[in-house]
Amino acid sequence: MQSIDLSGVEQFSDELNKILDEAPGKRRELHEQLAALAKKEVDSQIAASVGGNSGKITEWQEPHVGSGGGYAAVRATNSISGANSPGAITNYLENGHKIRPPSGQAKRYHPNIHQPYVDGKHFYQASRAALESQAIAAAQRFAGQIADKLQKG
């Protein structure tokens, strides 16, 4: 009698299910690596664009991984809020801010500043561009690990 032996397919299916059960932990591990890479890159971009007084700003930046392990990010700490909070100051530095005009009350005051806006440093934007190749390499290593597990069975 002729038949089709599906034991190899069933074994492959079992191995695939086992890897997929491990996948959320592996995915979180990948995103934790990406968050660490992003934090390092943001710190270096802050040091390059802001200069010598960047220590406090780099301390305010924290890596985050989503609760499900599905994304990685670096953002300012949210320990306090308001106009002078770490998030607000990071935003002012990243995107720029308006310069307060003179009050007009002093008779003989002539402003030396002739620009209405301070340009941003754009360190997050520069980090995003520099981090892209590193993130692709990390994702390829992750895919290679999964492929190795499938091949080993």
N, C-alpha and C. Protein backbone atom coordinates (compact mmCIF):
# COMPACT_ATOMS: atom_id res chain seq x y z
N MET A 1 0.83 -1.18 0.00
CA MET A 1 0.00 0.00 0.00
C MET A 1 0.88 1.24 0.00
N GLN A 2 0.48 2.21 -0.76
CA GLN A 2 1.23 3.45 -0.86
C GLN A 2 0.79 4.41 0.24
N SER A 3 1.76 5.15 0.77
CA SER A 3 1.43 6.14 1.81
C SER A 3 2.45 7.27 1.79
N ILE A 4 2.11 8.30 2.45
CA ILE A 4 2.99 9.46 2.58
C ILE A 4 3.41 9.54 4.05
N ASP A 5 4.70 9.57 4.28
CA ASP A 5 5.22 9.64 5.65
C ASP A 5 5.36 11.11 6.04
N LEU A 6 4.59 11.54 7.02
CA LEU A 6 4.61 12.93 7.47
C LEU A 6 5.35 13.11 8.79
N SER A 7 6.09 12.14 9.23
CA SER A 7 6.78 12.26 10.51
C SER A 7 7.82 13.37 10.49
N GLY A 8 8.49 13.58 9.35
CA GLY A 8 9.46 14.68 9.24
C GLY A 8 8.79 16.03 9.33
N VAL A 9 7.63 16.16 8.72
CA VAL A 9 6.88 17.41 8.78
C VAL A 9 6.38 17.68 10.19
N GLU A 10 5.94 16.62 10.86
CA GLU A 10 5.46 16.77 12.24
C GLU A 10 6.60 17.16 13.17
N GLN A 11 7.77 16.57 12.95
CA GLN A 11 8.93 16.92 13.77
C GLN A 11 9.32 18.37 13.53
N PHE A 12 9.33 18.79 12.26
CA PHE A 12 9.62 20.20 11.93
C PHE A 12 8.59 21.12 12.58
N SER A 13 7.33 20.74 12.55
CA SER A 13 6.27 21.54 13.16
C SER A 13 6.48 21.65 14.67
N ASP A 14 6.86 20.54 15.30
CA ASP A 14 7.11 20.56 16.74
C ASP A 14 8.29 21.49 17.09
N GLU A 15 9.36 21.40 16.30
CA GLU A 15 10.52 22.26 16.52
C GLU A 15 10.16 23.72 16.31
N LEU A 16 9.38 24.00 15.28
CA LEU A 16 8.96 25.37 15.01
C LEU A 16 8.09 25.90 16.14
N ASN A 17 7.19 25.09 16.65
CA ASN A 17 6.36 25.53 17.77
C ASN A 17 7.20 25.80 19.02
N LYS A 18 8.22 24.99 19.24
CA LYS A 18 9.09 25.20 20.39
C LYS A 18 9.84 26.52 20.27
N ILE A 19 10.33 26.82 19.08
CA ILE A 19 11.05 28.08 18.85
C ILE A 19 10.11 29.26 18.99
N LEU A 20 8.89 29.11 18.48
CA LEU A 20 7.92 30.21 18.60
C LEU A 20 7.51 30.44 20.05
N ASP A 21 7.51 29.39 20.86
CA ASP A 21 7.23 29.57 22.29
C ASP A 21 8.34 30.35 22.97
N GLU A 22 9.59 30.16 22.51
CA GLU A 22 10.72 30.91 23.04
C GLU A 22 10.81 32.31 22.44
N ALA A 23 10.12 32.56 21.34
CA ALA A 23 10.26 33.80 20.58
C ALA A 23 9.97 35.06 21.39
N PRO A 24 8.93 35.12 22.23
CA PRO A 24 8.74 36.37 22.97
C PRO A 24 9.95 36.74 23.83
N GLY A 25 10.55 35.76 24.47
CA GLY A 25 11.75 36.04 25.26
C GLY A 25 12.92 36.44 24.38
N LYS A 26 13.06 35.78 23.26
CA LYS A 26 14.13 36.12 22.32
C LYS A 26 13.90 37.50 21.70
N ARG A 27 12.64 37.79 21.41
CA ARG A 27 12.31 39.11 20.83
C ARG A 27 12.64 40.20 21.84
N ARG A 28 12.30 39.99 23.11
CA ARG A 28 12.62 40.97 24.15
C ARG A 28 14.13 41.13 24.27
N GLU A 29 14.85 40.00 24.20
CA GLU A 29 16.31 40.04 24.27
C GLU A 29 16.89 40.88 23.13
N LEU A 30 16.36 40.68 21.91
CA LEU A 30 16.79 41.47 20.76
C LEU A 30 16.53 42.95 20.98
N HIS A 31 15.34 43.28 21.46
CA HIS A 31 15.02 44.69 21.66
C HIS A 31 15.80 45.31 22.82
N GLU A 32 16.17 44.53 23.81
CA GLU A 32 17.04 45.05 24.87
C GLU A 32 18.42 45.38 24.32
N GLN A 33 18.92 44.53 23.41
CA GLN A 33 20.20 44.81 22.76
C GLN A 33 20.10 46.08 21.91
N LEU A 34 18.99 46.22 21.19
CA LEU A 34 18.79 47.40 20.35
C LEU A 34 18.68 48.66 21.21
N ALA A 35 18.02 48.58 22.37
CA ALA A 35 17.88 49.72 23.26
C ALA A 35 19.25 50.14 23.80
N ALA A 36 20.09 49.17 24.13
CA ALA A 36 21.44 49.48 24.62
C ALA A 36 22.27 50.14 23.52
N LEU A 37 22.17 49.63 22.29
CA LEU A 37 22.86 50.25 21.16
C LEU A 37 22.38 51.67 20.93
N ALA A 38 21.06 51.86 21.01
CA ALA A 38 20.49 53.19 20.78
C ALA A 38 20.93 54.17 21.86
N LYS A 39 20.96 53.74 23.11
CA LYS A 39 21.39 54.61 24.21
C LYS A 39 22.84 55.04 24.01
N LYS A 40 23.69 54.09 23.63
CA LYS A 40 25.10 54.41 23.38
C LYS A 40 25.24 55.42 22.24
N GLU A 41 24.47 55.22 21.18
CA GLU A 41 24.54 56.12 20.02
C GLU A 41 24.00 57.51 20.37
N VAL A 42 22.89 57.58 21.10
CA VAL A 42 22.33 58.87 21.49
C VAL A 42 23.33 59.62 22.38
N ASP A 43 23.96 58.92 23.32
CA ASP A 43 24.94 59.56 24.19
C ASP A 43 26.10 60.13 23.39
N SER A 44 26.58 59.39 22.40
CA SER A 44 27.69 59.89 21.59
C SER A 44 27.26 61.09 20.73
N GLN A 45 26.04 61.06 20.21
CA GLN A 45 25.55 62.19 19.41
C GLN A 45 25.33 63.43 20.28
N ILE A 46 24.86 63.23 21.51
CA ILE A 46 24.69 64.37 22.43
C ILE A 46 26.05 64.98 22.73
N ALA A 47 27.04 64.15 23.02
CA ALA A 47 28.38 64.65 23.32
C ALA A 47 28.96 65.41 22.12
N ALA A 48 28.70 64.91 20.92
CA ALA A 48 29.22 65.57 19.72
C ALA A 48 28.50 66.89 19.42
N SER A 49 27.19 66.94 19.63
CA SER A 49 26.45 68.14 19.23
C SER A 49 26.34 69.19 20.33
N VAL A 50 26.21 68.76 21.59
CA VAL A 50 26.06 69.72 22.68
C VAL A 50 27.42 70.17 23.19
N GLY A 51 28.37 69.28 23.24
CA GLY A 51 29.71 69.64 23.67
C GLY A 51 30.00 69.22 25.09
N GLY A 52 30.81 70.02 25.78
CA GLY A 52 31.33 69.68 27.09
C GLY A 52 30.30 69.56 28.20
N ASN A 53 29.18 70.24 28.11
CA ASN A 53 28.19 70.21 29.18
C ASN A 53 27.09 69.19 28.91
N SER A 54 27.46 68.04 28.41
CA SER A 54 26.44 67.07 28.01
C SER A 54 26.18 65.99 29.06
N GLY A 55 26.89 66.00 30.17
CA GLY A 55 26.77 64.94 31.17
C GLY A 55 25.37 64.82 31.74
N LYS A 56 24.77 65.93 32.12
CA LYS A 56 23.44 65.92 32.71
C LYS A 56 22.41 65.46 31.68
N ILE A 57 22.57 65.88 30.44
CA ILE A 57 21.61 65.54 29.39
C ILE A 57 21.68 64.04 29.08
N THR A 58 22.88 63.47 29.03
CA THR A 58 23.00 62.05 28.76
C THR A 58 22.44 61.23 29.93
N GLU A 59 22.57 61.73 31.15
CA GLU A 59 21.99 61.03 32.31
C GLU A 59 20.47 60.98 32.23
N TRP A 60 19.87 61.99 31.62
CA TRP A 60 18.41 62.06 31.53
C TRP A 60 17.85 61.08 30.51
N GLN A 61 18.65 60.61 29.58
CA GLN A 61 18.17 59.71 28.52
C GLN A 61 18.18 58.28 29.05
N GLU A 62 17.08 57.57 28.86
CA GLU A 62 16.96 56.19 29.35
C GLU A 62 16.48 55.27 28.23
N PRO A 63 17.06 54.05 28.15
CA PRO A 63 16.55 53.08 27.18
C PRO A 63 15.26 52.45 27.69
N HIS A 64 14.34 52.18 26.80
CA HIS A 64 13.07 51.54 27.14
C HIS A 64 12.81 50.39 26.18
N VAL A 65 12.20 49.33 26.71
CA VAL A 65 11.74 48.21 25.90
C VAL A 65 10.26 48.05 26.20
N GLY A 66 9.45 47.83 25.19
CA GLY A 66 8.01 47.71 25.36
C GLY A 66 7.63 46.60 26.33
N SER A 67 6.47 46.72 26.93
CA SER A 67 6.03 45.72 27.93
C SER A 67 5.92 44.32 27.32
N GLY A 68 5.60 44.24 26.04
CA GLY A 68 5.54 42.95 25.36
C GLY A 68 6.86 42.59 24.69
N GLY A 69 7.86 43.46 24.82
CA GLY A 69 9.15 43.21 24.20
C GLY A 69 9.15 43.49 22.72
N GLY A 70 8.19 44.30 22.24
CA GLY A 70 8.03 44.50 20.81
C GLY A 70 8.70 45.73 20.23
N TYR A 71 9.29 46.60 21.06
CA TYR A 71 9.99 47.75 20.51
C TYR A 71 11.06 48.21 21.49
N ALA A 72 12.00 48.99 20.96
CA ALA A 72 13.06 49.57 21.77
C ALA A 72 13.09 51.06 21.49
N ALA A 73 13.35 51.86 22.53
CA ALA A 73 13.40 53.31 22.37
C ALA A 73 14.35 53.90 23.40
N VAL A 74 14.78 55.11 23.12
CA VAL A 74 15.52 55.92 24.09
C VAL A 74 14.74 57.21 24.21
N ARG A 75 14.45 57.59 25.45
CA ARG A 75 13.71 58.84 25.66
C ARG A 75 14.14 59.45 26.99
N ALA A 76 13.75 60.68 27.19
CA ALA A 76 14.10 61.37 28.43
C ALA A 76 13.32 60.77 29.59
N THR A 77 13.94 60.77 30.75
CA THR A 77 13.29 60.26 31.94
C THR A 77 12.06 61.10 32.25
N ASN A 78 11.05 60.48 32.81
CA ASN A 78 9.83 61.20 33.12
C ASN A 78 9.64 61.35 34.63
N SER A 79 10.76 61.58 35.34
CA SER A 79 10.69 61.67 36.79
C SER A 79 9.93 62.91 37.25
N ILE A 80 10.08 64.01 36.54
CA ILE A 80 9.32 65.23 36.86
C ILE A 80 8.76 65.80 35.57
N SER A 81 7.80 66.71 35.70
CA SER A 81 7.21 67.31 34.52
C SER A 81 7.23 68.82 34.66
N GLY A 82 6.98 69.50 33.57
CA GLY A 82 6.94 70.94 33.58
C GLY A 82 7.89 71.52 32.55
N ALA A 83 8.01 72.84 32.55
CA ALA A 83 8.80 73.55 31.55
C ALA A 83 10.30 73.28 31.70
N ASN A 84 10.76 72.96 32.89
CA ASN A 84 12.18 72.71 33.10
C ASN A 84 12.47 71.25 33.40
N SER A 85 11.59 70.36 32.99
CA SER A 85 11.78 68.92 33.22
C SER A 85 12.80 68.37 32.22
N PRO A 86 13.36 67.20 32.51
CA PRO A 86 14.31 66.59 31.56
C PRO A 86 13.72 66.40 30.16
N GLY A 87 12.45 66.01 30.08
CA GLY A 87 11.82 65.83 28.77
C GLY A 87 11.70 67.14 28.01
N ALA A 88 11.33 68.21 28.71
CA ALA A 88 11.18 69.51 28.06
C ALA A 88 12.53 70.04 27.60
N ILE A 89 13.54 69.94 28.44
CA ILE A 89 14.86 70.45 28.06
C ILE A 89 15.44 69.63 26.91
N THR A 90 15.23 68.33 26.93
CA THR A 90 15.67 67.49 25.81
C THR A 90 14.97 67.93 24.53
N ASN A 91 13.68 68.22 24.61
CA ASN A 91 12.94 68.69 23.45
C ASN A 91 13.46 70.03 22.96
N TYR A 92 13.76 70.95 23.88
CA TYR A 92 14.30 72.25 23.48
C TYR A 92 15.63 72.09 22.75
N LEU A 93 16.48 71.21 23.27
CA LEU A 93 17.78 70.99 22.64
C LEU A 93 17.66 70.29 21.29
N GLU A 94 16.77 69.32 21.22
CA GLU A 94 16.61 68.55 19.98
C GLU A 94 16.01 69.40 18.86
N ASN A 95 14.96 70.13 19.17
CA ASN A 95 14.20 70.83 18.13
C ASN A 95 14.41 72.33 18.08
N GLY A 96 15.07 72.90 19.06
CA GLY A 96 15.25 74.35 19.12
C GLY A 96 14.14 74.99 19.92
N HIS A 97 14.26 76.29 20.14
CA HIS A 97 13.25 77.01 20.92
C HIS A 97 13.28 78.49 20.58
N LYS A 98 12.21 79.16 20.93
CA LYS A 98 12.06 80.59 20.68
C LYS A 98 12.92 81.37 21.68
N ILE A 99 13.46 82.49 21.24
CA ILE A 99 14.20 83.38 22.12
C ILE A 99 13.24 84.44 22.62
N ARG A 100 13.26 84.65 23.93
CA ARG A 100 12.38 85.65 24.52
C ARG A 100 12.79 87.04 24.02
N PRO A 101 11.85 87.78 23.46
CA PRO A 101 12.18 89.13 23.00
C PRO A 101 12.34 90.09 24.19
N PRO A 102 12.98 91.21 23.99
CA PRO A 102 13.12 92.17 25.09
C PRO A 102 11.75 92.72 25.49
N SER A 103 11.65 93.14 26.73
CA SER A 103 10.36 93.61 27.25
C SER A 103 9.97 94.96 26.67
N GLY A 104 10.95 95.75 26.24
CA GLY A 104 10.64 97.07 25.71
C GLY A 104 10.54 98.13 26.79
N GLN A 105 10.82 97.79 28.02
CA GLN A 105 10.72 98.73 29.13
C GLN A 105 11.98 99.57 29.30
N ALA A 106 13.14 99.03 28.97
CA ALA A 106 14.39 99.78 29.14
C ALA A 106 14.57 100.71 27.95
N LYS A 107 14.83 102.01 28.26
CA LYS A 107 14.93 103.02 27.22
C LYS A 107 16.11 102.82 26.27
N ARG A 108 17.28 102.54 26.84
CA ARG A 108 18.50 102.52 26.04
C ARG A 108 18.95 101.12 25.65
N TYR A 109 18.13 100.15 25.86
CA TYR A 109 18.52 98.77 25.56
C TYR A 109 18.39 98.51 24.06
N HIS A 110 19.46 97.99 23.50
CA HIS A 110 19.46 97.57 22.10
C HIS A 110 19.93 96.11 22.06
N PRO A 111 19.08 95.20 21.63
CA PRO A 111 19.43 93.78 21.71
C PRO A 111 20.57 93.42 20.76
N ASN A 112 21.44 92.53 21.25
CA ASN A 112 22.52 92.00 20.42
C ASN A 112 22.06 90.77 19.66
N ILE A 113 20.95 90.20 20.09
CA ILE A 113 20.43 89.00 19.44
C ILE A 113 19.46 89.42 18.35
N HIS A 114 19.72 88.99 17.13
CA HIS A 114 18.88 89.36 16.00
C HIS A 114 18.29 88.12 15.35
N GLN A 115 18.06 87.12 16.14
CA GLN A 115 17.52 85.85 15.65
C GLN A 115 16.34 85.48 16.54
N PRO A 116 15.19 85.15 15.97
CA PRO A 116 14.02 84.86 16.81
C PRO A 116 13.99 83.44 17.37
N TYR A 117 14.88 82.55 16.90
CA TYR A 117 14.76 81.14 17.23
C TYR A 117 16.15 80.51 17.36
N VAL A 118 16.34 79.63 18.33
CA VAL A 118 17.57 78.87 18.48
C VAL A 118 17.41 77.56 17.71
N ASP A 119 18.35 77.27 16.84
CA ASP A 119 18.29 76.03 16.07
C ASP A 119 18.54 74.83 16.99
N GLY A 120 17.86 73.72 16.69
CA GLY A 120 18.02 72.50 17.47
C GLY A 120 19.31 71.78 17.13
N LYS A 121 19.71 70.89 18.02
CA LYS A 121 20.94 70.11 17.82
C LYS A 121 20.67 68.83 17.02
N HIS A 122 19.45 68.33 17.03
CA HIS A 122 19.01 67.16 16.25
C HIS A 122 19.85 65.91 16.52
N PHE A 123 20.18 65.67 17.79
CA PHE A 123 20.98 64.49 18.12
C PHE A 123 20.18 63.20 18.00
N TYR A 124 18.87 63.23 18.24
CA TYR A 124 18.06 62.03 18.03
C TYR A 124 17.99 61.68 16.55
N GLN A 125 17.82 62.68 15.72
CA GLN A 125 17.76 62.45 14.27
C GLN A 125 19.08 61.86 13.76
N ALA A 126 20.19 62.39 14.22
CA ALA A 126 21.50 61.87 13.81
C ALA A 126 21.70 60.45 14.33
N SER A 127 21.22 60.17 15.54
CA SER A 127 21.33 58.83 16.11
C SER A 127 20.53 57.83 15.30
N ARG A 128 19.34 58.23 14.89
CA ARG A 128 18.47 57.34 14.11
C ARG A 128 19.16 56.94 12.82
N ALA A 129 19.80 57.89 12.15
CA ALA A 129 20.48 57.59 10.89
C ALA A 129 21.69 56.69 11.12
N ALA A 130 22.44 56.94 12.18
CA ALA A 130 23.65 56.15 12.45
C ALA A 130 23.32 54.76 12.97
N LEU A 131 22.19 54.60 13.63
CA LEU A 131 21.83 53.34 14.26
C LEU A 131 21.21 52.35 13.29
N GLU A 132 20.77 52.80 12.15
CA GLU A 132 20.04 51.93 11.22
C GLU A 132 20.85 50.70 10.82
N SER A 133 22.10 50.89 10.44
CA SER A 133 22.91 49.75 10.00
C SER A 133 23.20 48.79 11.16
N GLN A 134 23.39 49.33 12.37
CA GLN A 134 23.64 48.48 13.54
C GLN A 134 22.40 47.66 13.87
N ALA A 135 21.22 48.25 13.74
CA ALA A 135 19.97 47.54 14.03
C ALA A 135 19.73 46.44 13.00
N ILE A 136 20.03 46.70 11.75
CA ILE A 136 19.87 45.69 10.72
C ILE A 136 20.81 44.51 10.98
N ALA A 137 22.04 44.80 11.38
CA ALA A 137 23.00 43.73 11.68
C ALA A 137 22.52 42.89 12.86
N ALA A 138 21.99 43.53 13.90
CA ALA A 138 21.49 42.79 15.06
C ALA A 138 20.29 41.93 14.68
N ALA A 139 19.41 42.45 13.84
CA ALA A 139 18.24 41.68 13.40
C ALA A 139 18.67 40.49 12.54
N GLN A 140 19.69 40.67 11.72
CA GLN A 140 20.18 39.56 10.91
C GLN A 140 20.81 38.47 11.77
N ARG A 141 21.54 38.87 12.83
CA ARG A 141 22.09 37.88 13.76
C ARG A 141 20.96 37.11 14.45
N PHE A 142 19.90 37.82 14.82
CA PHE A 142 18.74 37.20 15.46
C PHE A 142 18.08 36.19 14.52
N ALA A 143 17.89 36.59 13.27
CA ALA A 143 17.29 35.69 12.28
C ALA A 143 18.20 34.48 12.03
N GLY A 144 19.50 34.70 12.05
CA GLY A 144 20.44 33.60 11.88
C GLY A 144 20.37 32.60 13.02
N GLN A 145 20.19 33.09 14.25
CA GLN A 145 20.05 32.21 15.41
C GLN A 145 18.81 31.35 15.30
N ILE A 146 17.72 31.95 14.87
CA ILE A 146 16.48 31.19 14.69
C ILE A 146 16.63 30.16 13.58
N ALA A 147 17.28 30.55 12.49
CA ALA A 147 17.49 29.60 11.39
C ALA A 147 18.38 28.44 11.85
N ASP A 148 19.39 28.72 12.66
CA ASP A 148 20.26 27.65 13.18
C ASP A 148 19.47 26.67 14.04
N LYS A 149 18.59 27.20 14.86
CA LYS A 149 17.77 26.33 15.72
C LYS A 149 16.86 25.45 14.88
N LEU A 150 16.31 26.00 13.81
CA LEU A 150 15.44 25.21 12.93
C LEU A 150 16.23 24.11 12.22
N GLN A 151 17.45 24.43 11.81
CA GLN A 151 18.26 23.44 11.10
C GLN A 151 18.72 22.33 12.03
N LYS A 152 19.04 22.68 13.27
CA LYS A 152 19.52 21.67 14.22
C LYS A 152 18.40 20.76 14.67
N GLY A 153 17.20 21.35 14.73
CA GLY A 153 16.04 20.53 15.06
C GLY A 153 15.96 20.25 16.47
